Amino acid sequence: MFKFKIALAALLVASLGNSAAALAQEDRGTPEQRAACTSDAFRLCASDIPDPARVESCLRHRKLDLSEACRLVFDQGTSAAAVRAK
């Protein structure tokens, strides 16, 4: 059961941001991004698991409640998207 939760968390967090080129190409976060947001996904958005899109939406809506590390992941994603849009 524990291994299943870890695998599920990795899949969920993998769908979280799009701040790096690897993210855009592979549609998954870096190990650092997954590590930064996994606990927040379980703590704040457990009812949205296992739907990655709902977990991401939940984390974005709960941005003020995110850990500093996870908030930075989303801030970097927003900044990268803004730069690409210019």
Foldseek 3Di string as FASTA:
>chain_A
DVVVLVVLLQVLQQQAAQLDPCCVVVNGDDPQLSVQCSVVLCVFPVVVPPPSVSSNVRCVVVLVVGDPSNNVRHVSRVVSVVVVVD
